[in-house]
PDB file of N, CA and C in Angstrom:
ATOM      1  N   UNK A   1      56.424   6.201 -97.120  1.00  0.00           N
ATOM      2  CA  UNK A   1      57.805   6.563 -96.922  1.00  0.00           C
ATOM      3  C   UNK A   1      58.158   6.384 -95.448  1.00  0.00           C
ATOM      4  N   UNK A   2      59.184   5.616 -95.184  1.00  0.00           N
ATOM      5  CA  UNK A   2      59.661   5.385 -93.817  1.00  0.00           C
ATOM      6  C   UNK A   2      60.690   6.452 -93.472  1.00  0.00           C
ATOM      7  N   UNK A   3      60.407   7.190 -92.409  1.00  0.00           N
ATOM      8  CA  UNK A   3      61.320   8.244 -91.978  1.00  0.00           C
ATOM      9  C   UNK A   3      62.201   7.734 -90.844  1.00  0.00           C
ATOM     10  N   UNK A   4      63.482   7.946 -90.973  1.00  0.00           N
ATOM     11  CA  UNK A   4      64.438   7.504 -89.962  1.00  0.00           C
ATOM     12  C   UNK A   4      64.820   8.637 -89.013  1.00  0.00           C
ATOM     13  N   UNK A   5      64.791   9.862 -89.487  1.00  0.00           N
ATOM     14  CA  UNK A   5      65.321  10.987 -88.729  1.00  0.00           C
ATOM     15  C   UNK A   5      64.258  11.970 -88.267  1.00  0.00           C
ATOM     16  N   UNK A   6      63.059  11.843 -88.776  1.00  0.00           N
ATOM     17  CA  UNK A   6      61.959  12.714 -88.366  1.00  0.00           C
ATOM     18  C   UNK A   6      61.087  11.916 -87.404  1.00  0.00           C
ATOM     19  N   UNK A   7      60.888  12.454 -86.214  1.00  0.00           N
ATOM     20  CA  UNK A   7      60.102  11.754 -85.207  1.00  0.00           C
ATOM     21  C   UNK A   7      58.937  12.621 -84.750  1.00  0.00           C
ATOM     22  N   UNK A   8      57.900  11.947 -84.279  1.00  0.00           N
ATOM     23  CA  UNK A   8      56.738  12.633 -83.703  1.00  0.00           C
ATOM     24  C   UNK A   8      56.480  12.003 -82.341  1.00  0.00           C
ATOM     25  N   UNK A   9      56.501  12.842 -81.324  1.00  0.00           N
ATOM     26  CA  UNK A   9      56.283  12.388 -79.957  1.00  0.00           C
ATOM     27  C   UNK A   9      55.454  13.457 -79.258  1.00  0.00           C
ATOM     28  N   UNK A  10      54.270  13.091 -78.737  1.00  0.00           N
ATOM     29  CA  UNK A  10      53.428  14.098 -78.094  1.00  0.00           C
ATOM     30  C   UNK A  10      54.104  14.799 -76.916  1.00  0.00           C
ATOM     31  N   UNK A  11      55.161  14.207 -76.375  1.00  0.00           N
ATOM     32  CA  UNK A  11      55.884  14.791 -75.239  1.00  0.00           C
ATOM     33  C   UNK A  11      56.929  15.834 -75.669  1.00  0.00           C
ATOM     34  N   UNK A  12      57.217  15.887 -76.957  1.00  0.00           N
ATOM     35  CA  UNK A  12      58.256  16.791 -77.459  1.00  0.00           C
ATOM     36  C   UNK A  12      57.636  17.774 -78.442  1.00  0.00           C
ATOM     37  N   UNK A  13      57.772  19.054 -78.156  1.00  0.00           N
ATOM     38  CA  UNK A  13      57.276  20.136 -79.027  1.00  0.00           C
ATOM     39  C   UNK A  13      55.806  19.947 -79.394  1.00  0.00           C
ATOM     40  N   UNK A  14      55.016  19.536 -78.429  1.00  0.00           N
ATOM     41  CA  UNK A  14      53.564  19.364 -78.618  1.00  0.00           C
ATOM     42  C   UNK A  14      53.216  18.421 -79.763  1.00  0.00           C
ATOM     43  N   UNK A  15      54.075  17.451 -80.025  1.00  0.00           N
ATOM     44  CA  UNK A  15      53.795  16.458 -81.053  1.00  0.00           C
ATOM     45  C   UNK A  15      54.127  16.889 -82.466  1.00  0.00           C
ATOM     46  N   UNK A  16      54.773  18.039 -82.627  1.00  0.00           N
ATOM     47  CA  UNK A  16      55.178  18.474 -83.971  1.00  0.00           C
ATOM     48  C   UNK A  16      56.339  17.600 -84.444  1.00  0.00           C
ATOM     49  N   UNK A  17      56.427  17.351 -85.754  1.00  0.00           N
ATOM     50  CA  UNK A  17      57.560  16.577 -86.269  1.00  0.00           C
ATOM     51  C   UNK A  17      58.881  17.263 -85.916  1.00  0.00           C
ATOM     52  N   UNK A  18      59.807  16.484 -85.373  1.00  0.00           N
ATOM     53  CA  UNK A  18      61.110  16.999 -84.937  1.00  0.00           C
ATOM     54  C   UNK A  18      62.231  16.163 -85.537  1.00  0.00           C
ATOM     55  N   UNK A  19      63.408  16.723 -85.471  1.00  0.00           N
ATOM     56  CA  UNK A  19      64.601  16.021 -85.929  1.00  0.00           C
ATOM     57  C   UNK A  19      65.088  15.080 -84.831  1.00  0.00           C
ATOM     58  N   UNK A  20      65.084  13.787 -85.089  1.00  0.00           N
ATOM     59  CA  UNK A  20      65.623  12.732 -84.217  1.00  0.00           C
ATOM     60  C   UNK A  20      65.247  12.871 -82.754  1.00  0.00           C
ATOM     61  N   UNK A  21      64.049  13.294 -82.462  1.00  0.00           N
ATOM     62  CA  UNK A  21      63.613  13.399 -81.076  1.00  0.00           C
ATOM     63  C   UNK A  21      64.180  14.601 -80.337  1.00  0.00           C
ATOM     64  N   UNK A  22      64.943  15.418 -81.036  1.00  0.00           N
ATOM     65  CA  UNK A  22      65.466  16.647 -80.442  1.00  0.00           C
ATOM     66  C   UNK A  22      64.345  17.680 -80.391  1.00  0.00           C
ATOM     67  N   UNK A  23      64.506  18.675 -79.607  1.00  0.00           N
ATOM     68  CA  UNK A  23      63.523  19.760 -79.565  1.00  0.00           C
ATOM     69  C   UNK A  23      63.828  20.765 -80.676  1.00  0.00           C
ATOM     70  N   UNK A  24      63.896  20.240 -81.874  1.00  0.00           N
ATOM     71  CA  UNK A  24      64.175  21.044 -83.061  1.00  0.00           C
ATOM     72  C   UNK A  24      63.143  20.658 -84.122  1.00  0.00           C
ATOM     73  N   UNK A  25      62.036  21.418 -84.185  1.00  0.00           N
ATOM     74  CA  UNK A  25      60.966  21.073 -85.123  1.00  0.00           C
ATOM     75  C   UNK A  25      61.411  21.168 -86.588  1.00  0.00           C
ATOM     76  N   UNK A  26      60.868  20.296 -87.393  1.00  0.00           N
ATOM     77  CA  UNK A  26      61.129  20.324 -88.830  1.00  0.00           C
ATOM     78  C   UNK A  26      60.713  21.682 -89.394  1.00  0.00           C
ATOM     79  N   UNK A  27      59.627  22.240 -88.886  1.00  0.00           N
ATOM     80  CA  UNK A  27      59.159  23.539 -89.385  1.00  0.00           C
ATOM     81  C   UNK A  27      60.214  24.626 -89.175  1.00  0.00           C
ATOM     82  N   UNK A  28      60.940  24.559 -88.090  1.00  0.00           N
ATOM     83  CA  UNK A  28      62.016  25.535 -87.840  1.00  0.00           C
ATOM     84  C   UNK A  28      63.128  25.379 -88.868  1.00  0.00           C
ATOM     85  N   UNK A  29      63.498  24.147 -89.139  1.00  0.00           N
ATOM     86  CA  UNK A  29      64.536  23.879 -90.126  1.00  0.00           C
ATOM     87  C   UNK A  29      64.112  24.372 -91.505  1.00  0.00           C
ATOM     88  N   UNK A  30      62.887  24.053 -91.892  1.00  0.00           N
ATOM     89  CA  UNK A  30      62.400  24.485 -93.200  1.00  0.00           C
ATOM     90  C   UNK A  30      62.296  26.007 -93.272  1.00  0.00           C
ATOM     91  N   UNK A  31      61.926  26.637 -92.166  1.00  0.00           N
ATOM     92  CA  UNK A  31      61.870  28.095 -92.118  1.00  0.00           C
ATOM     93  C   UNK A  31      63.241  28.727 -92.325  1.00  0.00           C
ATOM     94  N   UNK A  32      64.255  28.139 -91.716  1.00  0.00           N
ATOM     95  CA  UNK A  32      65.623  28.637 -91.907  1.00  0.00           C
ATOM     96  C   UNK A  32      66.037  28.537 -93.371  1.00  0.00           C
ATOM     97  N   UNK A  33      65.743  27.405 -93.985  1.00  0.00           N
ATOM     98  CA  UNK A  33      66.082  27.222 -95.396  1.00  0.00           C
ATOM     99  C   UNK A  33      65.299  28.193 -96.274  1.00  0.00           C
ATOM    100  N   UNK A  34      64.018  28.385 -95.974  1.00  0.00           N
ATOM    101  CA  UNK A  34      63.176  29.292 -96.760  1.00  0.00           C
ATOM    102  C   UNK A  34      63.648  30.740 -96.646  1.00  0.00           C
ATOM    103  N   UNK A  35      64.252  31.082 -95.513  1.00  0.00           N
ATOM    104  CA  UNK A  35      64.718  32.458 -95.324  1.00  0.00           C
ATOM    105  C   UNK A  35      66.093  32.701 -95.957  1.00  0.00           C
ATOM    106  N   UNK A  36      66.646  31.665 -96.581  1.00  0.00           N
ATOM    107  CA  UNK A  36      67.897  31.840 -97.306  1.00  0.00           C
ATOM    108  C   UNK A  36      69.125  31.245 -96.652  1.00  0.00           C
ATOM    109  N   UNK A  37      68.962  30.649 -95.476  1.00  0.00           N
ATOM    110  CA  UNK A  37      70.113  29.996 -94.832  1.00  0.00           C
ATOM    111  C   UNK A  37      70.543  28.797 -95.681  1.00  0.00           C
ATOM    112  N   UNK A  38      71.832  28.565 -95.722  1.00  0.00           N
ATOM    113  CA  UNK A  38      72.340  27.406 -96.452  1.00  0.00           C
ATOM    114  C   UNK A  38      72.433  26.206 -95.517  1.00  0.00           C
ATOM    115  N   UNK A  39      72.517  25.055 -96.117  1.00  0.00           N
ATOM    116  CA  UNK A  39      72.685  23.826 -95.341  1.00  0.00           C
ATOM    117  C   UNK A  39      73.934  23.932 -94.463  1.00  0.00           C
ATOM    118  N   UNK A  40      75.003  24.455 -95.033  1.00  0.00           N
ATOM    119  CA  UNK A  40      76.269  24.570 -94.306  1.00  0.00           C
ATOM    120  C   UNK A  40      76.150  25.522 -93.117  1.00  0.00           C
ATOM    121  N   UNK A  41      75.469  26.651 -93.312  1.00  0.00           N
ATOM    122  CA  UNK A  41      75.344  27.619 -92.212  1.00  0.00           C
ATOM    123  C   UNK A  41      74.475  27.063 -91.085  1.00  0.00           C
ATOM    124  N   UNK A  42      73.463  26.289 -91.443  1.00  0.00           N
ATOM    125  CA  UNK A  42      72.600  25.673 -90.426  1.00  0.00           C
ATOM    126  C   UNK A  42      73.397  24.645 -89.626  1.00  0.00           C
ATOM    127  N   UNK A  43      74.171  23.829 -90.311  1.00  0.00           N
ATOM    128  CA  UNK A  43      74.971  22.810 -89.624  1.00  0.00           C
ATOM    129  C   UNK A  43      76.019  23.442 -88.712  1.00  0.00           C
ATOM    130  N   UNK A  44      76.538  24.580 -89.108  1.00  0.00           N
ATOM    131  CA  UNK A  44      77.516  25.274 -88.268  1.00  0.00           C
ATOM    132  C   UNK A  44      76.838  25.884 -87.038  1.00  0.00           C
ATOM    133  N   UNK A  45      75.655  26.453 -87.231  1.00  0.00           N
ATOM    134  CA  UNK A  45      74.935  27.097 -86.125  1.00  0.00           C
ATOM    135  C   UNK A  45      74.337  26.080 -85.157  1.00  0.00           C
ATOM    136  N   UNK A  46      73.993  24.902 -85.659  1.00  0.00           N
ATOM    137  CA  UNK A  46      73.364  23.853 -84.851  1.00  0.00           C
ATOM    138  C   UNK A  46      74.178  22.569 -85.011  1.00  0.00           C
ATOM    139  N   UNK A  47      75.306  22.462 -84.316  1.00  0.00           N
ATOM    140  CA  UNK A  47      76.225  21.339 -84.534  1.00  0.00           C
ATOM    141  C   UNK A  47      75.653  19.964 -84.202  1.00  0.00           C
ATOM    142  N   UNK A  48      74.542  19.917 -83.489  1.00  0.00           N
ATOM    143  CA  UNK A  48      73.923  18.625 -83.183  1.00  0.00           C
ATOM    144  C   UNK A  48      73.103  18.102 -84.358  1.00  0.00           C
ATOM    145  N   UNK A  49      72.867  18.929 -85.370  1.00  0.00           N
ATOM    146  CA  UNK A  49      72.196  18.459 -86.582  1.00  0.00           C
ATOM    147  C   UNK A  49      73.223  17.818 -87.506  1.00  0.00           C
ATOM    148  N   UNK A  50      72.737  16.903 -88.338  1.00  0.00           N
ATOM    149  CA  UNK A  50      73.589  16.211 -89.298  1.00  0.00           C
ATOM    150  C   UNK A  50      73.052  16.469 -90.698  1.00  0.00           C
ATOM    151  N   UNK A  51      73.905  16.407 -91.716  1.00  0.00           N
ATOM    152  CA  UNK A  51      73.446  16.661 -93.082  1.00  0.00           C
ATOM    153  C   UNK A  51      72.239  15.804 -93.474  1.00  0.00           C
ATOM    154  N   UNK A  52      72.211  14.570 -93.012  1.00  0.00           N
ATOM    155  CA  UNK A  52      71.105  13.672 -93.345  1.00  0.00           C
ATOM    156  C   UNK A  52      69.784  14.145 -92.746  1.00  0.00           C
ATOM    157  N   UNK A  53      69.838  14.866 -91.627  1.00  0.00           N
ATOM    158  CA  UNK A  53      68.621  15.421 -91.026  1.00  0.00           C
ATOM    159  C   UNK A  53      67.970  16.410 -91.990  1.00  0.00           C
ATOM    160  N   UNK A  54      68.785  17.273 -92.566  1.00  0.00           N
ATOM    161  CA  UNK A  54      68.271  18.273 -93.501  1.00  0.00           C
ATOM    162  C   UNK A  54      67.755  17.590 -94.758  1.00  0.00           C
ATOM    163  N   UNK A  55      68.505  16.626 -95.263  1.00  0.00           N
ATOM    164  CA  UNK A  55      68.084  15.911 -96.474  1.00  0.00           C
ATOM    165  C   UNK A  55      66.720  15.262 -96.281  1.00  0.00           C
ATOM    166  N   UNK A  56      66.521  14.607 -95.153  1.00  0.00           N
ATOM    167  CA  UNK A  56      65.242  13.937 -94.923  1.00  0.00           C
ATOM    168  C   UNK A  56      64.108  14.944 -94.748  1.00  0.00           C
ATOM    169  N   UNK A  57      64.374  16.044 -94.073  1.00  0.00           N
ATOM    170  CA  UNK A  57      63.347  17.072 -93.891  1.00  0.00           C
ATOM    171  C   UNK A  57      62.900  17.633 -95.239  1.00  0.00           C
ATOM    172  N   UNK A  58      63.805  17.730 -96.175  1.00  0.00           N
ATOM    173  CA  UNK A  58      63.459  18.243 -97.502  1.00  0.00           C
ATOM    174  C   UNK A  58      62.687  17.225 -98.340  1.00  0.00           C
ATOM    175  N   UNK A  59      62.778  15.961 -97.991  1.00  0.00           N
ATOM    176  CA  UNK A  59      62.075  14.917 -98.758  1.00  0.00           C
ATOM    177  C   UNK A  59      60.614  14.765 -98.355  1.00  0.00           C
ATOM    178  N   UNK A  60      60.244  15.246 -97.164  1.00  0.00           N
ATOM    179  CA  UNK A  60      58.859  15.027 -96.731  1.00  0.00           C
ATOM    180  C   UNK A  60      57.933  16.083 -97.272  1.00  0.00           C
TER     181      UNK A  60
END
């Protein structure tokens, strides 16, 4: 599977998978969703995220 929005860079967040090279780890996003946050509430709280970022994080 080729990921377009999930990046891994040893210089960012100690090499943890992040959203588009931002300092926003996929694990943080998944944790928010697991705790009951909705996609809409996450996008409102973090306006630099895009709906496609969440969709791709859920596919991995």
